Protein backbone atom coordinates (compact mmCIF):
# COMPACT_ATOMS: atom_id res chain seq x y z
CA MET A 1 70.00 5.94 -46.60
CA LEU A 2 69.59 5.65 -50.39
CA ARG A 3 71.91 8.62 -50.92
CA GLN A 4 74.59 7.01 -48.76
CA VAL A 5 74.22 3.66 -50.56
CA ALA A 6 74.44 5.40 -53.93
CA GLU A 7 77.54 7.30 -52.85
CA ARG A 8 79.32 4.10 -51.79
CA PHE A 9 78.40 2.37 -55.03
CA ARG A 10 79.57 5.42 -56.96
CA GLU A 11 82.96 5.32 -55.23
CA ILE A 12 83.70 1.73 -56.19
CA SER A 13 82.18 2.19 -59.68
CA GLU A 14 84.33 5.18 -60.61
CA GLY A 15 86.02 4.51 -63.95
CA LYS A 16 84.57 0.97 -64.15
CA VAL A 17 80.86 1.08 -64.78
CA SER A 18 77.85 3.27 -65.37
CA LEU A 19 75.60 3.26 -62.33
CA ALA A 20 71.84 3.87 -62.24
CA ARG A 21 69.03 3.71 -59.72
CA PHE A 22 65.90 2.14 -61.17
CA GLY A 23 63.56 3.07 -58.35
CA GLY A 24 62.93 2.04 -54.79
CA ASP A 25 66.06 0.29 -53.56
CA GLU A 26 67.08 -1.23 -56.92
CA PHE A 27 70.31 -0.25 -58.65
CA ALA A 28 71.92 -1.35 -61.90
CA ALA A 29 75.52 -1.26 -63.11
CA LEU A 30 76.72 -1.62 -66.71
CA GLY A 31 80.37 -1.91 -67.67
CA ARG A 32 83.10 -3.77 -69.52
CA PHE A 33 84.93 -6.55 -67.64
CA THR A 34 87.94 -8.42 -68.94
CA SER A 35 86.90 -11.77 -67.44
CA ASP A 36 84.23 -13.60 -65.47
CA GLN A 37 86.41 -13.24 -62.39
CA ALA A 38 86.63 -9.47 -62.80
CA ALA A 39 82.83 -9.26 -62.98
CA ALA A 40 82.48 -11.52 -59.94
CA ASP A 41 84.96 -9.41 -57.96
CA PHE A 42 83.01 -6.22 -58.69
CA ALA A 43 79.71 -7.86 -57.75
CA ASP A 44 81.22 -9.06 -54.47
CA GLU A 45 82.56 -5.57 -53.84
CA LEU A 46 79.04 -4.16 -54.09
CA VAL A 47 77.85 -6.67 -51.49
CA THR A 48 80.79 -6.01 -49.17
CA THR A 49 80.51 -2.22 -49.25
CA ALA A 50 76.80 -2.37 -48.37
CA ARG A 51 77.50 -4.48 -45.28
CA ARG A 52 79.35 -1.74 -43.42
CA PRO A 53 77.05 0.18 -41.02
CA PHE A 54 75.48 3.42 -42.23
CA ARG A 55 75.37 6.41 -39.90
CA ILE A 56 72.20 8.53 -40.02
CA GLY A 57 72.08 11.21 -37.36
CA SER A 58 73.37 9.59 -34.18
CA ARG A 59 72.38 6.04 -35.11
CA ASP A 60 74.03 3.26 -37.06
CA PHE A 61 71.98 1.11 -39.45
CA ALA A 62 72.94 -2.24 -40.96
CA ILE A 63 71.54 -3.26 -44.35
CA GLY A 64 72.71 -5.54 -47.13
CA ALA A 65 72.91 -5.83 -50.89
CA THR A 66 71.95 -8.76 -53.10
CA VAL A 67 73.40 -8.89 -56.62
CA GLY A 68 72.58 -10.80 -59.77
CA TYR A 69 74.88 -10.30 -62.73
CA THR A 70 75.74 -11.59 -66.19
CA ARG A 71 78.29 -11.01 -68.95
CA ARG A 72 77.51 -10.68 -72.64
CA GLN A 73 78.16 -14.08 -74.22
CA ASN A 74 76.51 -13.61 -77.59
CA ALA A 75 76.87 -10.73 -80.01
CA SER A 76 73.10 -10.72 -80.41
CA ASP A 77 72.49 -10.00 -76.72
CA SER A 78 70.93 -6.57 -76.25
CA VAL A 79 71.00 -4.48 -73.09
CA ASP A 80 67.47 -5.70 -72.40
CA ASP A 81 68.70 -9.31 -72.67
CA LEU A 82 71.49 -8.59 -70.21
CA MET A 83 69.10 -6.93 -67.77
CA ARG A 84 66.68 -9.86 -68.00
CA LYS A 85 69.44 -12.37 -67.27
CA ALA A 86 70.84 -10.28 -64.42
CA ASP A 87 67.35 -10.01 -62.98
CA ILE A 88 66.92 -13.80 -63.13
CA ALA A 89 70.23 -14.18 -61.27
CA LEU A 90 69.09 -11.59 -58.73
CA TYR A 91 65.92 -13.59 -58.10
CA ARG A 92 68.03 -16.70 -57.48
CA ALA A 93 70.32 -14.77 -55.13
CA LYS A 94 67.31 -13.59 -53.11
CA GLU A 95 65.95 -17.12 -52.96
CA SER A 96 69.32 -18.33 -51.69
CA GLY A 97 69.29 -16.12 -48.64
CA ARG A 98 70.17 -12.62 -49.85
CA GLY A 99 73.37 -10.71 -49.06
CA ARG A 100 75.30 -12.39 -51.86
CA ALA A 101 76.20 -12.11 -55.54
CA ILE A 102 75.22 -14.82 -58.04
CA ALA A 103 76.07 -15.07 -61.72
CA PHE A 104 73.48 -15.94 -64.35
CA GLU A 105 73.54 -19.51 -65.66
CA GLN A 106 71.56 -20.82 -68.62
CA GLN A 107 69.85 -23.37 -66.40
CA MET A 108 68.26 -20.50 -64.46
CA GLU A 109 66.39 -19.35 -67.56
CA ARG A 110 65.00 -22.84 -68.11
CA GLU A 111 63.90 -22.91 -64.48
CA VAL A 112 62.17 -19.54 -64.90
CA ARG A 113 60.25 -20.84 -67.91
CA GLU A 114 59.29 -23.95 -65.94
CA ARG A 115 58.18 -21.84 -62.99
CA ARG A 116 56.03 -19.65 -65.26
CA LEU A 117 54.33 -22.72 -66.70
CA LEU A 118 53.65 -24.03 -63.20
CA GLU A 119 52.39 -20.61 -62.16
CA ALA A 120 49.87 -20.58 -65.02
CA ASP A 121 48.75 -24.11 -64.12
CA LEU A 122 48.47 -23.16 -60.45
CA ARG A 123 46.28 -20.17 -61.26
CA GLU A 124 44.01 -22.44 -63.27
CA ALA A 125 43.95 -25.08 -60.53
CA PHE A 126 42.98 -22.51 -57.93
CA GLU A 127 40.36 -20.84 -60.13
CA PHE A 128 38.66 -24.13 -60.98
CA GLN A 129 38.97 -25.56 -57.45
CA LYS A 130 41.39 -28.35 -58.33
CA LEU A 131 43.32 -28.00 -55.06
CA SER A 132 42.39 -29.94 -51.96
CA ILE A 133 43.27 -30.21 -48.28
CA GLU A 134 44.18 -33.18 -46.11
CA PHE A 135 44.43 -33.65 -42.36
CA GLN A 136 47.52 -35.23 -40.79
CA PRO A 137 47.03 -36.65 -37.28
CA ILE A 138 48.85 -35.21 -34.27
CA VAL A 139 48.94 -37.71 -31.41
CA GLU A 140 49.21 -37.17 -27.67
CA ALA A 141 52.40 -38.91 -26.58
CA ARG A 142 51.08 -40.28 -23.28
CA SER A 143 47.72 -41.62 -24.40
CA GLY A 144 48.37 -42.41 -28.06
CA LYS A 145 45.11 -40.72 -28.99
CA VAL A 146 44.66 -38.27 -31.86
CA ALA A 147 44.29 -34.83 -30.32
CA SER A 148 44.87 -32.50 -33.24
CA SER A 149 45.75 -32.39 -36.91
CA GLU A 150 47.77 -30.30 -39.31
CA VAL A 151 46.04 -29.15 -42.48
CA LEU A 152 48.04 -29.74 -45.66
CA VAL A 153 47.16 -28.30 -49.07
CA ARG A 154 47.48 -30.70 -52.02
CA TRP A 155 47.82 -30.18 -55.78
CA ASP A 156 47.38 -33.19 -58.04
CA HIS A 157 48.54 -31.93 -61.43
CA PRO A 158 46.80 -33.60 -64.42
CA THR A 159 50.11 -34.46 -66.17
CA ARG A 160 52.84 -33.98 -63.56
CA GLY A 161 51.15 -35.86 -60.74
CA GLU A 162 51.25 -34.64 -57.15
CA ILE A 163 53.30 -31.46 -56.76
CA PRO A 164 54.59 -30.96 -53.20
CA PRO A 165 53.73 -27.76 -51.29
CA ASP A 166 57.39 -26.79 -50.94
CA VAL A 167 57.39 -26.41 -54.74
CA PHE A 168 54.10 -24.63 -55.43
CA ILE A 169 53.75 -22.50 -52.27
CA PRO A 170 56.81 -20.34 -53.17
CA ILE A 171 55.34 -19.99 -56.68
CA ALA A 172 52.05 -18.85 -55.15
CA GLU A 173 53.90 -16.32 -53.02
CA HIS A 174 55.82 -14.93 -55.98
CA ALA A 175 52.71 -14.83 -58.19
CA GLY A 176 50.55 -12.99 -55.64
CA LEU A 177 48.29 -16.02 -55.19
CA ILE A 178 49.19 -16.84 -51.61
CA LEU A 179 46.67 -14.47 -49.99
CA PRO A 180 43.53 -15.87 -51.68
CA LEU A 181 44.98 -19.38 -51.48
CA GLY A 182 45.75 -18.99 -47.77
CA ASP A 183 42.25 -17.69 -47.06
CA TRP A 184 40.73 -20.60 -49.00
CA VAL A 185 42.79 -23.18 -47.09
CA LEU A 186 41.90 -21.66 -43.73
CA GLU A 187 38.19 -21.37 -44.52
CA ARG A 188 38.02 -24.89 -45.94
CA ALA A 189 39.90 -26.31 -42.94
CA CYS A 190 37.66 -24.56 -40.43
CA SER A 191 34.49 -25.58 -42.26
CA VAL A 192 35.45 -29.26 -42.33
CA ALA A 193 36.94 -29.38 -38.83
CA ALA A 194 33.84 -27.73 -37.35
CA THR A 195 32.01 -31.00 -38.02
CA VAL A 196 34.59 -33.08 -36.09
CA PRO A 197 34.44 -32.11 -32.40
CA GLU A 198 36.70 -35.09 -31.59
CA LEU A 199 39.67 -32.98 -32.70
CA ASN A 200 40.75 -30.65 -29.91
CA SER A 201 42.43 -28.39 -32.44
CA VAL A 202 43.40 -27.93 -36.08
CA ALA A 203 46.74 -26.42 -37.14
CA VAL A 204 47.09 -24.32 -40.30
CA ASN A 205 50.37 -22.96 -41.66
CA LEU A 206 50.61 -19.21 -42.14
CA SER A 207 52.91 -17.95 -44.89
CA PRO A 208 55.21 -15.00 -44.11
CA VAL A 209 53.51 -13.18 -47.01
CA GLN A 210 50.13 -13.73 -45.37
CA PHE A 211 51.52 -12.42 -42.10
CA LEU A 212 52.52 -9.18 -43.83
CA GLU A 213 48.92 -8.57 -44.92
CA PRO A 214 47.63 -5.56 -42.93
CA ASN A 215 44.12 -7.05 -42.67
CA LEU A 216 45.34 -10.45 -41.48
CA VAL A 217 43.60 -10.44 -38.10
CA ASP A 218 40.30 -9.14 -39.49
CA ASN A 219 40.37 -11.73 -42.31
CA ILE A 220 40.90 -14.60 -39.89
CA ALA A 221 38.20 -13.31 -37.55
CA SER A 222 35.76 -13.14 -40.49
CA ILE A 223 36.59 -16.70 -41.55
CA LEU A 224 35.99 -17.98 -38.02
CA GLU A 225 32.67 -16.16 -37.90
CA ARG A 226 31.51 -17.49 -41.28
CA THR A 227 32.46 -21.10 -40.51
CA GLY A 228 31.38 -21.11 -36.89
CA PHE A 229 34.72 -22.65 -35.93
CA PRO A 230 35.81 -21.77 -32.36
CA ALA A 231 38.95 -19.66 -32.27
CA GLU A 232 40.16 -21.74 -29.30
CA ARG A 233 40.43 -24.79 -31.57
CA LEU A 234 42.57 -23.04 -34.20
CA VAL A 235 46.37 -23.19 -34.14
CA LEU A 236 48.35 -21.00 -36.55
CA GLU A 237 51.83 -22.28 -37.35
CA ILE A 238 54.46 -19.70 -38.29
CA THR A 239 58.20 -19.86 -38.91
CA GLU A 240 60.75 -17.37 -37.73
CA SER A 241 61.03 -15.95 -41.27
CA VAL A 242 57.86 -14.06 -40.32
CA PHE A 243 59.91 -11.94 -37.93
CA LEU A 244 62.62 -11.28 -40.50
CA LYS A 245 60.04 -9.66 -42.79
CA ASP A 246 57.72 -7.99 -40.30
CA VAL A 247 59.78 -6.94 -37.32
CA GLY A 248 57.72 -3.91 -36.40
CA SER A 249 54.18 -5.23 -36.14
CA ALA A 250 54.81 -8.94 -35.48
CA THR A 251 54.29 -8.69 -31.73
CA ASP A 252 51.06 -6.71 -32.11
CA LYS A 253 49.63 -9.12 -34.68
CA LEU A 254 50.48 -12.16 -32.59
CA GLN A 255 48.85 -10.61 -29.55
CA GLN A 256 45.71 -9.69 -31.50
CA LEU A 257 45.42 -13.26 -32.75
CA ARG A 258 45.91 -14.64 -29.25
CA ASP A 259 43.29 -12.18 -27.96
CA LEU A 260 40.82 -13.87 -30.32
CA GLY A 261 41.62 -17.16 -28.57
CA ILE A 262 43.81 -18.53 -31.38
CA LYS A 263 46.94 -20.46 -30.37
CA ILE A 264 50.29 -19.72 -32.01
CA SER A 265 52.91 -22.38 -32.76
CA LEU A 266 56.52 -21.70 -33.76
CA ASP A 267 57.23 -24.17 -36.55
CA ASP A 268 60.57 -25.78 -37.56
CA PHE A 269 62.08 -24.88 -34.19
CA GLY A 270 65.86 -25.19 -34.09
CA THR A 271 66.54 -24.69 -37.79
CA GLY A 272 66.76 -20.88 -37.84
CA TYR A 273 69.21 -18.37 -36.48
CA SER A 274 67.40 -16.74 -33.58
CA SER A 275 64.71 -19.10 -32.31
CA LEU A 276 65.66 -18.58 -28.67
CA SER A 277 65.50 -14.80 -28.95
CA TYR A 278 62.06 -15.05 -30.56
CA LEU A 279 60.83 -17.14 -27.62
CA ARG A 280 61.89 -14.29 -25.36
CA GLN A 281 60.41 -11.51 -27.47
CA HIS A 282 57.04 -13.04 -28.44
CA ARG A 283 54.36 -15.12 -26.78
CA PHE A 284 53.73 -18.60 -28.19
CA ASP A 285 51.61 -21.54 -27.09
CA LYS A 286 53.49 -24.33 -28.82
CA ILE A 287 56.72 -25.14 -30.60
CA LYS A 288 57.36 -27.85 -33.18
CA ILE A 289 60.70 -29.64 -33.20
CA ASP A 290 61.85 -29.91 -36.79
CA LYS A 291 61.80 -33.36 -38.36
CA SER A 292 65.55 -33.17 -39.08
CA PHE A 293 66.23 -33.62 -35.36
CA VAL A 294 63.76 -36.50 -35.06
CA ALA A 295 65.39 -38.23 -38.05
CA GLU A 296 68.72 -38.24 -36.16
CA ILE A 297 67.34 -40.25 -33.22
CA GLY A 298 69.33 -43.47 -33.15
CA GLU A 299 71.95 -42.08 -35.53
CA ARG A 300 73.58 -39.24 -33.57
CA SER A 301 73.96 -39.15 -29.81
CA ASP A 302 73.69 -35.37 -29.69
CA GLY A 303 70.29 -35.50 -31.40
CA LEU A 304 68.55 -36.81 -28.29
CA ALA A 305 70.43 -34.30 -26.12
CA ILE A 306 69.18 -31.40 -28.26
CA ILE A 307 65.59 -32.67 -28.25
CA SER A 308 65.71 -33.19 -24.48
CA ALA A 309 67.02 -29.65 -23.96
CA VAL A 310 64.32 -28.17 -26.23
CA ILE A 311 61.56 -30.03 -24.39
CA ALA A 312 62.87 -28.91 -20.99
CA LEU A 313 63.19 -25.31 -22.18
CA ALA A 314 59.68 -25.30 -23.65
CA HIS A 315 58.09 -26.77 -20.55
CA ASN A 316 59.83 -24.23 -18.34
CA LEU A 317 58.33 -21.52 -20.55
CA GLY A 318 54.88 -23.10 -20.37
CA LEU A 319 54.88 -24.27 -23.99
CA GLU A 320 53.56 -27.47 -25.53
CA VAL A 321 56.02 -29.45 -27.68
CA THR A 322 55.24 -31.36 -30.89
CA ALA A 323 57.84 -33.50 -32.68
CA GLU A 324 57.47 -33.70 -36.47
CA GLY A 325 58.54 -36.46 -38.83
CA VAL A 326 57.98 -39.44 -36.51
CA GLU A 327 58.21 -42.57 -38.67
CA ARG A 328 59.76 -45.31 -36.55
CA GLN A 329 58.83 -47.18 -33.38
CA PHE A 330 62.09 -46.34 -31.58
CA GLN A 331 61.52 -42.63 -32.28
CA VAL A 332 58.13 -42.88 -30.56
CA ASP A 333 59.68 -44.59 -27.54
CA ALA A 334 62.51 -42.08 -27.27
CA LEU A 335 60.22 -39.04 -27.55
CA ARG A 336 57.81 -40.42 -24.94
CA THR A 337 60.69 -41.05 -22.56
CA LEU A 338 61.93 -37.49 -23.01
CA GLY A 339 58.48 -36.11 -22.16
CA CYS A 340 57.46 -34.83 -25.60
CA ASP A 341 53.80 -33.78 -25.51
CA MET A 342 52.66 -34.44 -29.10
CA MET A 343 53.96 -36.40 -32.07
CA GLN A 344 53.25 -36.15 -35.77
CA GLY A 345 54.42 -38.27 -38.70
CA TYR A 346 53.70 -41.17 -41.04
CA TYR A 347 54.05 -43.64 -38.17
CA PHE A 348 50.56 -42.59 -37.12
CA GLY A 349 49.10 -42.69 -40.61
CA ARG A 350 49.03 -40.75 -43.84
CA PRO A 351 47.09 -37.50 -44.21
CA ASP A 352 43.45 -37.97 -45.16
CA PRO A 353 40.85 -35.62 -46.69
CA ASN A 354 38.35 -36.81 -44.09
CA PRO A 355 39.34 -35.76 -40.54
CA MET A 356 36.98 -38.41 -39.16
CA GLN A 357 39.31 -41.05 -40.58
CA ILE A 358 42.39 -39.82 -38.74
CA THR A 359 40.57 -39.80 -35.39
CA ASN A 360 40.06 -43.55 -35.80
CA ILE A 361 43.78 -44.30 -36.11
CA SER A 362 44.67 -47.24 -33.86
CA LYS A 363 48.22 -48.25 -33.07
CA GLU A 364 49.46 -50.67 -30.44
CA ASP A 365 47.93 -50.66 -26.99
CA TRP A 366 49.77 -47.79 -25.34
CA GLU A 367 48.61 -48.92 -21.93
CA GLU A 368 51.03 -51.85 -22.17
CA ARG A 369 53.94 -49.74 -23.36
CA SER A 370 56.60 -48.36 -21.10
CA PRO A 371 55.23 -45.07 -19.76
CA SER A 372 57.09 -41.81 -19.99
CA THR A 373 59.40 -41.26 -17.06
CA ALA A 374 59.55 -37.51 -17.69
CA PRO A 375 57.42 -35.11 -15.66
CA ARG A 376 54.04 -34.35 -17.21
CA ASN A 377 53.75 -30.95 -18.84
CA PRO A 378 51.34 -29.11 -16.51
CA ASN A 379 50.27 -26.85 -19.40
CA LEU A 380 48.93 -29.73 -21.52
CA ARG A 381 45.32 -30.77 -21.23
CA SER A 382 45.06 -34.54 -21.65
CA VAL A 383 42.86 -36.03 -24.36
CA SER A 384 39.85 -37.85 -22.97
């Protein structure tokens, strides 16, 4: 495969650039371009030529190329400077979804410096136990009672204030911190939740990087054994990006986790490219409707239609459905009417470090509310 890729790159590089392979699947090209557009055209050509199928033996294989590039702007720029800037652009291109070419911009370098500072602070916060976890309530739609909770990791920076997980989790992944951090979150969550039998289950997010860890199943089993937390009360939430990075062993790992008694939830359902195909290929216990669909209730007529179709599909497959991002009364009413099993969002209260606090959440008397007219999900055990 690498020989064929190199040959294609060599063909389009002839007379334009010097081509090198750095190792693994990384290549570099160095040449003179008359304009920014000429450099962009060549970078796009590299991406395009890698998209065509490759024939090896009797089989065709599809891969892709991601390119970061820069042009020399200052006379003082050395080859090392150019490579560093191209590498920064490559990192941005990979973050943006791969299979594309992106030019270096000065702002990217400032962002890299900022990310490195945050990475150093994150390492210190983790080492000195300055991170914490909180529990967000998940409520049964029919009874209005707290049945479960999602565990959220928090970082209160001493000078920057609270830094959201969608900022520092990618930094942890890139810095190689996500494995020890993920183990710490899981062990802390299980230890605390073991003291709150009122919660039927506790949900913990699993990073795609964690899922790639060969010893994942053994690590989780050890954590459950150390904390005494029943596997049947643990829900692991994964996104479909897991399958993009670990196609081969994903099914085996999921089955091994389910064999332990752990439940698996497909998170952010409806936002990816192949969610339906994953439901066919792998066994799940739950799906979570992404908050973007819930936010459209009352604003777009097709939003309710999509949610209704997802709930019907899930129930036919024997899956439990949780809607995320519930913040308004009319969203609660709509989701109950459609037969959604569980709801999660600020409407039911903010996350709390003490799971005992979220079990005491009290909203309006649900007995007096209009009941759901949708059929009950036979796969859902009611909260007593």
